[in-house]
């Protein structure tokens, strides 16, 4: 019964923001809830004023709403962080907004083992295009794309 009641409350959440408490629910939401519960569980429709269905809601709605609210907040926070990770809006003169990409190429530092310790310069990782298999362990350079590849 509680699982079905939660599915009705999820429907309320998908249509908008559900009330923070069951006592704050509007008449239409209560009617829909009681009608659906009575259809699914006929024994709930045998009592006066749907008190049994109302009791289930009174007992279980607060914990559902708390969980649902936390999930919605997490989803919103994730969407916000993803949007801010990929682009940044920069305001220029005359109120013009320009969107720029804030991601940089992946670079290995001193600890990555791909940099030059004397000059403190690092090499940018590039994808290897169509490597040719060979039996040696030396580094090969492709003259077409200047891509470094190492074969085992």
Protein backbone atom coordinates (compact mmCIF):
# COMPACT_ATOMS: atom_id res chain seq x y z
CA UNK A 1 0.00 0.00 0.00
CA UNK A 2 2.76 2.42 0.89
CA UNK A 3 4.58 1.74 -2.39
CA UNK A 4 1.44 2.59 -4.37
CA UNK A 5 0.86 5.70 -2.27
CA UNK A 6 4.44 6.83 -3.01
CA UNK A 7 3.83 6.37 -6.73
CA UNK A 8 0.82 8.70 -6.49
CA UNK A 9 2.93 11.28 -4.66
CA UNK A 10 5.61 11.01 -7.37
CA UNK A 11 2.87 11.89 -9.85
CA UNK A 12 2.14 15.00 -7.78
CA UNK A 13 5.85 15.84 -7.85
CA UNK A 14 6.07 15.45 -11.61
CA UNK A 15 3.22 17.93 -12.08
CA UNK A 16 4.84 20.56 -9.88
CA UNK A 17 6.06 21.02 -6.37
CA UNK A 18 4.16 18.77 -3.94
CA UNK A 19 3.00 20.31 -0.65
CA UNK A 20 5.51 20.18 2.22
CA UNK A 21 3.00 18.36 4.46
CA UNK A 22 -0.01 16.19 3.72
CA UNK A 23 -2.19 18.61 5.66
CA UNK A 24 -1.25 21.33 3.14
CA UNK A 25 -2.42 19.24 0.15
CA UNK A 26 -5.21 20.76 -1.93
CA UNK A 27 -8.66 19.17 -2.36
CA UNK A 28 -7.99 17.87 -5.88
CA UNK A 29 -4.78 16.12 -4.80
CA UNK A 30 -6.53 14.50 -1.85
CA UNK A 31 -9.45 13.34 -4.03
CA UNK A 32 -7.11 11.86 -6.62
CA UNK A 33 -5.05 10.13 -3.94
CA UNK A 34 -8.08 8.63 -2.15
CA UNK A 35 -9.76 7.57 -5.42
CA UNK A 36 -6.62 5.82 -6.70
CA UNK A 37 -6.01 4.11 -3.36
CA UNK A 38 -9.66 2.92 -3.20
CA UNK A 39 -9.48 1.54 -6.74
CA UNK A 40 -6.28 -0.35 -6.03
CA UNK A 41 -7.25 -1.42 -2.50
CA UNK A 42 -11.06 -1.76 -2.24
CA UNK A 43 -10.94 -2.26 1.54
CA UNK A 44 -9.82 1.38 1.90
CA UNK A 45 -13.06 2.54 0.30
CA UNK A 46 -15.27 0.82 2.88
CA UNK A 47 -14.58 3.34 5.63
CA UNK A 48 -16.14 6.76 6.09
CA UNK A 49 -14.40 9.82 4.65
CA UNK A 50 -11.47 7.70 3.42
CA UNK A 51 -9.90 7.87 6.85
CA UNK A 52 -7.74 4.78 6.27
CA UNK A 53 -6.18 6.17 3.09
CA UNK A 54 -5.73 9.52 4.82
CA UNK A 55 -4.01 7.80 7.76
CA UNK A 56 -1.56 6.08 5.40
CA UNK A 57 -0.77 9.48 3.87
CA UNK A 58 -0.45 11.19 7.25
CA UNK A 59 1.99 8.52 8.47
CA UNK A 60 4.13 8.13 5.34
CA UNK A 61 4.01 11.37 3.35
CA UNK A 62 6.53 13.32 5.50
CA UNK A 63 9.36 10.81 4.95
CA UNK A 64 8.57 10.58 1.22
CA UNK A 65 8.59 14.38 0.86
CA UNK A 66 11.92 14.71 2.69
CA UNK A 67 13.55 12.09 0.45
CA UNK A 68 12.00 13.53 -2.71
CA UNK A 69 13.14 17.07 -1.82
CA UNK A 70 16.73 15.92 -1.24
CA UNK A 71 16.76 14.10 -4.59
CA UNK A 72 15.41 17.15 -6.42
CA UNK A 73 18.00 19.40 -4.75
CA UNK A 74 20.79 16.99 -5.74
CA UNK A 75 19.56 16.92 -9.35
CA UNK A 76 19.43 20.73 -9.51
CA UNK A 77 22.88 21.04 -7.96
CA UNK A 78 24.33 18.54 -10.43
CA UNK A 79 22.78 20.37 -13.40
CA UNK A 80 24.14 23.67 -12.13
CA UNK A 81 27.65 22.30 -11.61
CA UNK A 82 27.69 20.67 -15.06
CA UNK A 83 26.60 23.90 -16.71
CA UNK A 84 29.27 25.93 -14.91
CA UNK A 85 31.99 23.35 -15.68
CA UNK A 86 31.57 23.48 -19.44
CA UNK A 87 31.23 27.15 -20.12
CA UNK A 88 31.68 30.51 -18.50
CA UNK A 89 29.96 33.71 -19.50
CA UNK A 90 32.23 36.70 -19.71
CA UNK A 91 30.77 40.19 -19.74
CA UNK A 92 32.50 42.59 -22.11
CA UNK A 93 31.98 46.25 -22.83
CA UNK A 94 28.53 47.44 -23.83
CA UNK A 95 26.77 44.62 -21.94
CA UNK A 96 27.71 41.93 -24.49
CA UNK A 97 27.87 38.37 -23.06
CA UNK A 98 30.32 35.90 -24.57
CA UNK A 99 30.36 32.20 -23.67
CA UNK A 100 33.82 30.65 -23.45
CA UNK A 101 34.93 27.08 -22.85
CA UNK A 102 36.71 26.74 -19.51
CA UNK A 103 38.13 23.24 -20.04
CA UNK A 104 41.83 22.86 -20.86
CA UNK A 105 43.82 20.07 -22.46
CA UNK A 106 44.92 17.37 -20.04
CA UNK A 107 48.55 17.94 -19.06
CA UNK A 108 50.85 15.74 -17.00
CA UNK A 109 53.14 17.44 -14.51
CA UNK A 110 56.33 16.36 -12.74
CA UNK A 111 54.66 13.41 -11.03
CA UNK A 112 52.99 12.17 -14.20
CA UNK A 113 56.30 11.03 -15.69
CA UNK A 114 55.64 12.69 -19.04
CA UNK A 115 57.38 16.03 -18.39
CA UNK A 116 60.95 17.26 -18.60
CA UNK A 117 62.32 17.70 -15.07
CA UNK A 118 65.10 20.13 -16.15
CA UNK A 119 62.90 22.63 -17.98
CA UNK A 120 59.72 21.93 -15.95
CA UNK A 121 57.78 21.66 -19.22
CA UNK A 122 55.06 19.10 -19.67
CA UNK A 123 53.85 17.26 -22.74
CA UNK A 124 50.20 17.35 -23.78
CA UNK A 125 48.63 13.93 -24.28
CA UNK A 126 47.36 13.38 -27.80
CA UNK A 127 45.40 10.45 -29.17
CA UNK A 128 47.28 7.92 -31.27
CA UNK A 129 45.94 7.54 -34.80
CA UNK A 130 46.13 4.17 -36.54
CA UNK A 131 49.27 2.77 -34.87
CA UNK A 132 51.19 0.20 -36.86
CA UNK A 133 51.95 -2.95 -34.86
CA UNK A 134 55.62 -3.81 -34.52
CA UNK A 135 57.80 -6.03 -32.36
CA UNK A 136 60.09 -3.34 -30.94
CA UNK A 137 59.75 -1.26 -27.80
CA UNK A 138 60.97 2.06 -29.21
CA UNK A 139 58.96 5.23 -29.73
CA UNK A 140 57.64 5.90 -33.25
CA UNK A 141 56.64 9.21 -34.81
CA UNK A 142 54.14 9.40 -37.62
CA UNK A 143 55.14 12.10 -40.14
CA UNK A 144 51.50 12.59 -41.17
CA UNK A 145 50.11 13.79 -37.85
CA UNK A 146 53.19 14.18 -35.63
CA UNK A 147 51.63 11.83 -33.12
CA UNK A 148 53.81 9.86 -30.75
CA UNK A 149 52.99 6.18 -30.33
CA UNK A 150 54.61 3.37 -28.36
CA UNK A 151 54.17 -0.27 -29.29
CA UNK A 152 54.74 -3.24 -27.02
